[in-house]
C-alpha atoms as a PDB file:
ATOM      1  CA  UNK A   1       5.077  12.292   7.272  1.00  0.00           C
ATOM      2  CA  UNK A   2       2.886   9.190   7.050  1.00  0.00           C
ATOM      3  CA  UNK A   3      -0.779  10.104   6.630  1.00  0.00           C
ATOM      4  CA  UNK A   4      -2.196   6.604   6.558  1.00  0.00           C
ATOM      5  CA  UNK A   5      -4.034   6.309   9.899  1.00  0.00           C
ATOM      6  CA  UNK A   6      -7.340   5.662   8.151  1.00  0.00           C
ATOM      7  CA  UNK A   7      -5.981   3.192   5.615  1.00  0.00           C
ATOM      8  CA  UNK A   8      -7.340  -0.355   6.092  1.00  0.00           C
ATOM      9  CA  UNK A   9      -4.119  -1.830   7.531  1.00  0.00           C
ATOM     10  CA  UNK A  10      -3.910   0.663  10.408  1.00  0.00           C
ATOM     11  CA  UNK A  11      -7.643   0.923  11.003  1.00  0.00           C
ATOM     12  CA  UNK A  12      -7.891  -2.875  11.164  1.00  0.00           C
ATOM     13  CA  UNK A  13      -4.856  -3.039  13.443  1.00  0.00           C
ATOM     14  CA  UNK A  14      -6.621  -0.761  15.930  1.00  0.00           C
ATOM     15  CA  UNK A  15      -9.882  -2.711  15.645  1.00  0.00           C
ATOM     16  CA  UNK A  16      -8.228  -6.095  16.215  1.00  0.00           C
ATOM     17  CA  UNK A  17      -6.150  -4.683  19.088  1.00  0.00           C
ATOM     18  CA  UNK A  18      -9.210  -3.325  20.870  1.00  0.00           C
ATOM     19  CA  UNK A  19     -11.405  -6.388  20.315  1.00  0.00           C
ATOM     20  CA  UNK A  20      -9.819  -9.567  21.619  1.00  0.00           C
ATOM     21  CA  UNK A  21      -8.420 -11.230  24.703  1.00  0.00           C
ATOM     22  CA  UNK A  22      -5.375  -8.948  24.406  1.00  0.00           C
ATOM     23  CA  UNK A  23      -7.398  -5.692  24.470  1.00  0.00           C
ATOM     24  CA  UNK A  24      -6.535  -4.776  28.077  1.00  0.00           C
ATOM     25  CA  UNK A  25      -2.813  -5.259  27.410  1.00  0.00           C
ATOM     26  CA  UNK A  26      -2.907  -3.090  24.300  1.00  0.00           C
ATOM     27  CA  UNK A  27      -5.067  -0.194  25.504  1.00  0.00           C
ATOM     28  CA  UNK A  28      -2.094   1.954  26.492  1.00  0.00           C
ATOM     29  CA  UNK A  29       0.109   0.751  23.643  1.00  0.00           C
ATOM     30  CA  UNK A  30      -2.006   1.972  20.737  1.00  0.00           C
ATOM     31  CA  UNK A  31      -0.619   5.204  19.375  1.00  0.00           C
ATOM     32  CA  UNK A  32      -3.057   8.031  18.751  1.00  0.00           C
ATOM     33  CA  UNK A  33      -3.700   8.759  15.096  1.00  0.00           C
ATOM     34  CA  UNK A  34      -1.789  11.686  13.647  1.00  0.00           C
ATOM     35  CA  UNK A  35      -3.583  14.964  13.201  1.00  0.00           C
ATOM     36  CA  UNK A  36      -4.999  16.035   9.832  1.00  0.00           C
ATOM     37  CA  UNK A  37      -3.558  18.703   7.529  1.00  0.00           C
ATOM     38  CA  UNK A  38      -5.886  21.406   8.848  1.00  0.00           C
ATOM     39  CA  UNK A  39      -4.592  20.856  12.404  1.00  0.00           C
ATOM     40  CA  UNK A  40      -0.977  21.311  11.288  1.00  0.00           C
ATOM     41  CA  UNK A  41      -1.892  24.360   9.208  1.00  0.00           C
ATOM     42  CA  UNK A  42      -3.666  26.040  12.129  1.00  0.00           C
ATOM     43  CA  UNK A  43      -0.761  25.208  14.434  1.00  0.00           C
ATOM     44  CA  UNK A  44       1.868  26.741  12.151  1.00  0.00           C
ATOM     45  CA  UNK A  45      -0.044  29.606  10.533  1.00  0.00           C
ATOM     46  CA  UNK A  46       0.586  32.148  13.338  1.00  0.00           C
ATOM     47  CA  UNK A  47       4.318  31.415  13.099  1.00  0.00           C
ATOM     48  CA  UNK A  48       4.729  31.370   9.319  1.00  0.00           C
ATOM     49  CA  UNK A  49       4.478  33.737   6.395  1.00  0.00           C
ATOM     50  CA  UNK A  50       3.599  30.966   3.939  1.00  0.00           C
ATOM     51  CA  UNK A  51       2.648  27.304   4.210  1.00  0.00           C
ATOM     52  CA  UNK A  52       2.391  24.726   1.444  1.00  0.00           C
ATOM     53  CA  UNK A  53       0.710  21.419   2.232  1.00  0.00           C
ATOM     54  CA  UNK A  54       0.065  18.490  -0.045  1.00  0.00           C
ATOM     55  CA  UNK A  55      -0.751  14.833   0.164  1.00  0.00           C
ATOM     56  CA  UNK A  56       0.740  12.189  -2.086  1.00  0.00           C
ATOM     57  CA  UNK A  57      -0.148   8.532  -2.145  1.00  0.00           C
ATOM     58  CA  UNK A  58       2.607   6.095  -3.015  1.00  0.00           C
ATOM     59  CA  UNK A  59       1.745   2.521  -3.869  1.00  0.00           C
ATOM     60  CA  UNK A  60       4.040  -0.167  -2.551  1.00  0.00           C
ATOM     61  CA  UNK A  61       3.881  -3.459  -4.407  1.00  0.00           C
ATOM     62  CA  UNK A  62       3.813  -6.047  -1.631  1.00  0.00           C
ATOM     63  CA  UNK A  63       4.413  -9.707  -2.457  1.00  0.00           C
ATOM     64  CA  UNK A  64       2.648 -12.419  -0.507  1.00  0.00           C
ATOM     65  CA  UNK A  65      -0.896 -11.089  -0.269  1.00  0.00           C
ATOM     66  CA  UNK A  66      -2.243 -10.315   3.201  1.00  0.00           C
ATOM     67  CA  UNK A  67       0.723 -12.068   4.838  1.00  0.00           C
ATOM     68  CA  UNK A  68       3.065  -9.724   2.991  1.00  0.00           C
ATOM     69  CA  UNK A  69       1.123  -6.667   4.168  1.00  0.00           C
ATOM     70  CA  UNK A  70       1.263  -7.915   7.764  1.00  0.00           C
ATOM     71  CA  UNK A  71       5.002  -8.530   7.420  1.00  0.00           C
ATOM     72  CA  UNK A  72       5.447  -4.983   6.082  1.00  0.00           C
ATOM     73  CA  UNK A  73       3.793  -3.476   9.167  1.00  0.00           C
ATOM     74  CA  UNK A  74       5.677  -5.709  11.620  1.00  0.00           C
ATOM     75  CA  UNK A  75       8.625  -3.365  11.221  1.00  0.00           C
ATOM     76  CA  UNK A  76       6.655  -0.250  12.162  1.00  0.00           C
ATOM     77  CA  UNK A  77       3.081   0.125  13.414  1.00  0.00           C
ATOM     78  CA  UNK A  78       2.690  -3.449  14.682  1.00  0.00           C
ATOM     79  CA  UNK A  79       5.965  -3.516  16.609  1.00  0.00           C
ATOM     80  CA  UNK A  80       4.757  -1.934  19.902  1.00  0.00           C
ATOM     81  CA  UNK A  81       1.641  -4.114  19.919  1.00  0.00           C
ATOM     82  CA  UNK A  82       3.514  -7.333  19.274  1.00  0.00           C
ATOM     83  CA  UNK A  83       6.151  -6.461  21.875  1.00  0.00           C
ATOM     84  CA  UNK A  84       3.395  -6.159  24.515  1.00  0.00           C
ATOM     85  CA  UNK A  85       2.021  -9.658  23.861  1.00  0.00           C
ATOM     86  CA  UNK A  86       3.329 -13.063  24.852  1.00  0.00           C
ATOM     87  CA  UNK A  87       4.068 -15.606  22.129  1.00  0.00           C
ATOM     88  CA  UNK A  88       0.628 -17.227  22.163  1.00  0.00           C
ATOM     89  CA  UNK A  89      -1.196 -13.908  22.120  1.00  0.00           C
ATOM     90  CA  UNK A  90       1.080 -12.624  19.375  1.00  0.00           C
ATOM     91  CA  UNK A  91       0.294 -15.641  17.184  1.00  0.00           C
ATOM     92  CA  UNK A  92      -3.462 -15.318  17.757  1.00  0.00           C
ATOM     93  CA  UNK A  93      -3.370 -11.561  17.159  1.00  0.00           C
ATOM     94  CA  UNK A  94      -1.430 -11.914  13.899  1.00  0.00           C
ATOM     95  CA  UNK A  95      -3.721 -14.695  12.645  1.00  0.00           C
ATOM     96  CA  UNK A  96      -6.799 -12.572  13.240  1.00  0.00           C
ATOM     97  CA  UNK A  97      -5.179  -9.409  11.904  1.00  0.00           C
ATOM     98  CA  UNK A  98      -4.004 -11.150   8.729  1.00  0.00           C
ATOM     99  CA  UNK A  99      -7.537 -12.476   8.099  1.00  0.00           C
ATOM    100  CA  UNK A 100      -8.913  -8.941   8.405  1.00  0.00           C
ATOM    101  CA  UNK A 101      -6.174  -7.491   6.196  1.00  0.00           C
ATOM    102  CA  UNK A 102      -7.089 -10.114   3.600  1.00  0.00           C
ATOM    103  CA  UNK A 103     -10.598  -8.643   3.497  1.00  0.00           C
ATOM    104  CA  UNK A 104      -9.289  -5.075   3.351  1.00  0.00           C
ATOM    105  CA  UNK A 105      -6.969  -5.392   0.357  1.00  0.00           C
ATOM    106  CA  UNK A 106      -7.312  -7.015  -3.023  1.00  0.00           C
ATOM    107  CA  UNK A 107      -4.670  -9.606  -3.802  1.00  0.00           C
ATOM    108  CA  UNK A 108      -3.758  -9.602  -7.480  1.00  0.00           C
ATOM    109  CA  UNK A 109      -3.569 -12.867  -9.443  1.00  0.00           C
ATOM    110  CA  UNK A 110       0.235 -12.851  -9.068  1.00  0.00           C
ATOM    111  CA  UNK A 111      -0.088 -12.694  -5.257  1.00  0.00           C
ATOM    112  CA  UNK A 112       0.837  -9.036  -4.851  1.00  0.00           C
ATOM    113  CA  UNK A 113      -1.067  -6.276  -3.111  1.00  0.00           C
ATOM    114  CA  UNK A 114      -0.880  -2.615  -4.096  1.00  0.00           C
ATOM    115  CA  UNK A 115      -0.552  -1.002  -0.677  1.00  0.00           C
ATOM    116  CA  UNK A 116      -1.528   2.686  -0.715  1.00  0.00           C
ATOM    117  CA  UNK A 117       0.797   4.711   1.495  1.00  0.00           C
ATOM    118  CA  UNK A 118      -0.365   8.357   1.784  1.00  0.00           C
ATOM    119  CA  UNK A 119       2.146  10.969   2.938  1.00  0.00           C
ATOM    120  CA  UNK A 120       1.531  14.530   4.086  1.00  0.00           C
ATOM    121  CA  UNK A 121       4.127  17.094   3.054  1.00  0.00           C
ATOM    122  CA  UNK A 122       4.458  20.499   4.704  1.00  0.00           C
ATOM    123  CA  UNK A 123       6.782  23.343   3.759  1.00  0.00           C
ATOM    124  CA  UNK A 124       6.523  26.351   6.054  1.00  0.00           C
ATOM    125  CA  UNK A 125       8.372  29.640   5.541  1.00  0.00           C
ATOM    126  CA  UNK A 126       8.848  32.104   8.374  1.00  0.00           C
END
């Protein structure tokens, strides 16, 4: 499962959502961060004989710098936030978010960003 709640893109998304003229609209839209590996382990341990957990970070090569990163998240984490805003708010939110994302990720000379995408894997045996 995704384990990227503390990566810059999602952390900055939450910060921008909670600090702007749209904050009241987005309070109930922000999804809570997923739990950490220890939480899942403790949840499953009484029900399982053996549990393997590991975290792997994939790197997606995103073209277009910060704008490309924002576009990437429009199809997932940003969708509920953007759906809650009107067109003007959406434009202002995305402008501010993209500026913050630009500070959070290094854009390579060719315009790409290496976007870390951590995943948590769990295999539980009863």
